[in-house]
């Protein structure tokens, strides 16, 4: 019986070990990304910090860019962005749903602004990193478009905006660079920024 239990536990223990290693690498990578930036980020330093070898990093993430992509993905997962957007989409009425979506984005940006700043600044100068960020931004705009379409169906778009135009404006206003700039200048927390953004967006969609 003990032998059988050991065999059954083996794969589970190995999987747990893999997850612990992955978590250690991602934690170290985040720290070094903030401290040194992507171009100066050394996989040797990340490996030493995580207590693994460089080969182990390549085994988990394939490349330095793959590690960056994993850091971005892990941030979204830990912050619960996808479930948060899904919860906002479940709201029955289009105006409260849109409001919940904007609030969720503000909450998401507040989870790790230092990493977001690094990712955004890097995407401006590095084509590969730009693709990492662009893929996630494409998903964000797709989600926003769904909420805007619901408002359009309820005749709540203001002239002269159509769905693509309104989506572009909403996406820009709720982007991290815009939110971070406003929050920094007003010395307010990103989690409280929806109270400022929603009146601005009311010029595009009717939220009354």
Protein backbone atom coordinates (compact mmCIF):
# COMPACT_ATOMS: atom_id res chain seq x y z
CA UNK A 1 0.00 0.00 0.00
CA UNK A 2 2.79 2.42 0.93
CA UNK A 3 4.58 1.60 -2.34
CA UNK A 4 1.42 2.20 -4.35
CA UNK A 5 0.83 5.53 -2.63
CA UNK A 6 4.42 6.55 -3.30
CA UNK A 7 4.03 5.77 -7.01
CA UNK A 8 0.81 7.76 -7.18
CA UNK A 9 2.37 10.69 -5.37
CA UNK A 10 5.46 10.71 -7.60
CA UNK A 11 4.04 12.56 -10.63
CA UNK A 12 2.22 15.00 -8.37
CA UNK A 13 5.35 15.78 -6.40
CA UNK A 14 7.33 16.23 -9.61
CA UNK A 15 4.69 18.59 -10.98
CA UNK A 16 4.75 20.58 -7.75
CA UNK A 17 8.53 20.79 -8.01
CA UNK A 18 8.30 22.06 -11.57
CA UNK A 19 5.81 24.72 -10.50
CA UNK A 20 8.04 25.81 -7.61
CA UNK A 21 10.99 26.12 -9.97
CA UNK A 22 8.94 28.09 -12.48
CA UNK A 23 7.66 30.39 -9.72
CA UNK A 24 11.20 31.00 -8.43
CA UNK A 25 12.41 31.89 -11.92
CA UNK A 26 9.50 34.25 -12.59
CA UNK A 27 9.94 35.98 -9.23
CA UNK A 28 13.64 36.48 -9.89
CA UNK A 29 13.01 37.63 -13.46
CA UNK A 30 10.49 40.23 -12.31
CA UNK A 31 12.94 41.59 -9.74
CA UNK A 32 15.79 41.84 -12.24
CA UNK A 33 13.52 43.30 -14.93
CA UNK A 34 12.59 46.16 -12.62
CA UNK A 35 16.15 46.69 -11.35
CA UNK A 36 18.09 46.46 -14.63
CA UNK A 37 15.61 46.52 -17.51
CA UNK A 38 15.21 43.90 -20.22
CA UNK A 39 18.34 44.59 -22.29
CA UNK A 40 20.63 44.37 -19.27
CA UNK A 41 18.73 41.46 -17.77
CA UNK A 42 21.13 38.55 -17.38
CA UNK A 43 19.77 35.02 -17.46
CA UNK A 44 22.79 33.98 -15.41
CA UNK A 45 21.81 36.46 -12.70
CA UNK A 46 18.17 35.34 -12.83
CA UNK A 47 19.26 31.70 -12.59
CA UNK A 48 21.55 32.40 -9.62
CA UNK A 49 18.80 34.35 -7.87
CA UNK A 50 16.28 31.57 -8.48
CA UNK A 51 18.72 28.86 -7.43
CA UNK A 52 18.67 27.10 -10.82
CA UNK A 53 20.89 26.85 -13.89
CA UNK A 54 20.60 28.84 -17.09
CA UNK A 55 19.76 25.57 -18.86
CA UNK A 56 16.74 25.21 -16.55
CA UNK A 57 15.49 28.65 -17.60
CA UNK A 58 15.77 27.68 -21.28
CA UNK A 59 13.99 24.41 -20.55
CA UNK A 60 11.03 26.28 -19.07
CA UNK A 61 10.89 29.37 -21.29
CA UNK A 62 12.95 28.68 -24.46
CA UNK A 63 14.49 32.17 -24.62
CA UNK A 64 14.93 35.50 -22.89
CA UNK A 65 11.91 36.81 -24.80
CA UNK A 66 9.93 33.75 -23.74
CA UNK A 67 10.78 34.57 -20.15
CA UNK A 68 9.53 38.14 -20.65
CA UNK A 69 6.31 36.82 -22.15
CA UNK A 70 5.89 34.47 -19.19
CA UNK A 71 6.39 37.34 -16.72
CA UNK A 72 3.63 39.30 -18.49
CA UNK A 73 1.34 36.26 -18.60
CA UNK A 74 1.99 35.44 -14.96
CA UNK A 75 1.15 39.00 -13.96
CA UNK A 76 -2.20 38.79 -15.75
CA UNK A 77 -2.93 35.40 -14.20
CA UNK A 78 -2.06 36.40 -10.66
CA UNK A 79 -4.02 39.64 -10.96
CA UNK A 80 -7.05 37.73 -12.21
CA UNK A 81 -7.63 39.98 -15.22
CA UNK A 82 -9.46 37.42 -17.36
CA UNK A 83 -11.89 36.33 -14.59
CA UNK A 84 -12.37 39.99 -13.66
CA UNK A 85 -13.32 40.93 -17.22
CA UNK A 86 -15.61 37.93 -17.44
CA UNK A 87 -17.37 39.01 -14.24
CA UNK A 88 -17.85 42.50 -15.67
CA UNK A 89 -19.29 40.97 -18.84
CA UNK A 90 -21.85 39.04 -16.77
CA UNK A 91 -23.45 42.27 -15.54
CA UNK A 92 -26.86 42.38 -17.22
CA UNK A 93 -27.17 46.08 -18.05
CA UNK A 94 -24.67 47.61 -20.51
CA UNK A 95 -23.85 50.77 -18.52
CA UNK A 96 -23.03 49.04 -15.20
CA UNK A 97 -21.14 46.39 -17.19
CA UNK A 98 -19.04 49.06 -18.92
CA UNK A 99 -18.40 50.78 -15.60
CA UNK A 100 -17.29 47.47 -14.08
CA UNK A 101 -14.95 46.90 -17.03
CA UNK A 102 -13.25 50.28 -16.58
CA UNK A 103 -12.93 49.67 -12.84
CA UNK A 104 -11.41 46.24 -13.49
CA UNK A 105 -8.78 47.68 -15.83
CA UNK A 106 -7.83 50.32 -13.27
CA UNK A 107 -7.51 47.60 -10.63
CA UNK A 108 -5.37 45.50 -12.96
CA UNK A 109 -2.95 48.35 -13.71
CA UNK A 110 -2.53 48.89 -9.97
CA UNK A 111 -1.30 45.34 -9.32
CA UNK A 112 2.30 45.87 -10.49
CA UNK A 113 2.84 49.28 -12.13
CA UNK A 114 6.64 48.96 -12.03
CA UNK A 115 6.52 45.91 -14.31
CA UNK A 116 3.98 47.57 -16.59
CA UNK A 117 6.25 50.62 -16.93
CA UNK A 118 9.15 48.39 -17.91
CA UNK A 119 7.09 46.45 -20.43
CA UNK A 120 5.63 49.57 -22.05
CA UNK A 121 8.95 51.40 -22.28
CA UNK A 122 10.63 48.29 -23.68
CA UNK A 123 7.91 47.78 -26.30
CA UNK A 124 8.63 51.27 -27.63
CA UNK A 125 12.20 50.36 -28.63
CA UNK A 126 12.26 46.59 -29.05
CA UNK A 127 10.21 44.98 -31.89
CA UNK A 128 10.12 41.55 -30.21
CA UNK A 129 8.95 42.97 -26.90
CA UNK A 130 6.44 45.09 -28.80
CA UNK A 131 4.88 41.90 -30.13
CA UNK A 132 4.56 40.56 -26.58
CA UNK A 133 2.74 43.70 -25.43
CA UNK A 134 0.76 44.09 -28.67
CA UNK A 135 -0.75 40.62 -28.34
CA UNK A 136 -2.10 41.44 -24.89
CA UNK A 137 -3.29 44.86 -25.97
CA UNK A 138 -5.13 43.27 -28.89
CA UNK A 139 -6.99 41.06 -26.42
CA UNK A 140 -7.81 44.09 -24.22
CA UNK A 141 -9.24 46.02 -27.17
CA UNK A 142 -11.30 42.99 -28.19
CA UNK A 143 -12.85 42.90 -24.73
CA UNK A 144 -13.52 46.64 -24.76
CA UNK A 145 -15.18 46.32 -28.16
CA UNK A 146 -17.69 43.85 -26.72
CA UNK A 147 -18.71 46.29 -23.98
CA UNK A 148 -18.90 49.19 -26.44
CA UNK A 149 -21.02 47.09 -28.80
CA UNK A 150 -23.46 46.47 -25.96
CA UNK A 151 -23.71 50.22 -25.38
CA UNK A 152 -24.22 50.77 -29.11
CA UNK A 153 -27.05 48.25 -29.14
CA UNK A 154 -28.67 50.24 -26.33
CA UNK A 155 -28.23 53.45 -28.38
CA UNK A 156 -25.70 54.87 -25.94
CA UNK A 157 -22.91 55.96 -28.28
CA UNK A 158 -22.63 59.72 -28.65
CA UNK A 159 -22.34 61.30 -32.09
CA UNK A 160 -20.16 61.12 -34.09
CA UNK A 161 -18.71 57.90 -32.62
CA UNK A 162 -19.31 54.48 -34.11
CA UNK A 163 -18.19 51.25 -32.43
CA UNK A 164 -14.61 51.19 -33.81
CA UNK A 165 -14.07 54.86 -32.98
CA UNK A 166 -15.52 54.55 -29.49
CA UNK A 167 -13.48 51.40 -28.86
CA UNK A 168 -10.28 53.18 -29.93
CA UNK A 169 -10.95 56.10 -27.59
CA UNK A 170 -11.96 53.93 -24.64
CA UNK A 171 -8.95 51.68 -25.20
CA UNK A 172 -6.58 54.64 -25.29
CA UNK A 173 -8.03 56.35 -22.22
CA UNK A 174 -7.92 53.13 -20.21
CA UNK A 175 -4.43 52.11 -21.37
CA UNK A 176 -1.68 51.80 -18.79
CA UNK A 177 0.37 54.78 -20.08
CA UNK A 178 -2.68 57.07 -19.89
CA UNK A 179 -3.82 55.78 -16.52
CA UNK A 180 -0.32 55.90 -15.05
CA UNK A 181 0.23 59.46 -16.28
CA UNK A 182 -3.07 60.71 -14.85
CA UNK A 183 -2.61 58.91 -11.53
CA UNK A 184 0.95 60.21 -11.17
CA UNK A 185 0.04 63.82 -11.96
CA UNK A 186 -2.97 63.78 -9.65
CA UNK A 187 -1.13 61.75 -7.00
CA UNK A 188 -4.00 59.34 -6.78
CA UNK A 189 -4.13 55.56 -6.64
CA UNK A 190 -4.78 53.66 -9.85
CA UNK A 191 -7.56 51.73 -8.13
CA UNK A 192 -9.46 55.01 -7.68
CA UNK A 193 -8.93 56.28 -11.20
CA UNK A 194 -12.26 55.06 -12.57
CA UNK A 195 -14.01 57.99 -10.90
CA UNK A 196 -11.96 60.29 -13.15
CA UNK A 197 -11.97 58.19 -16.31
CA UNK A 198 -15.71 57.55 -16.42
CA UNK A 199 -16.67 61.26 -16.68
CA UNK A 200 -14.11 61.60 -19.48
CA UNK A 201 -15.53 58.57 -21.29
CA UNK A 202 -19.04 59.97 -20.85
CA UNK A 203 -18.16 62.26 -23.74
CA UNK A 204 -18.01 59.16 -25.94
CA UNK A 205 -20.75 56.96 -24.48
CA UNK A 206 -23.84 57.91 -22.47
CA UNK A 207 -23.43 56.56 -18.95
CA UNK A 208 -26.29 58.46 -17.31
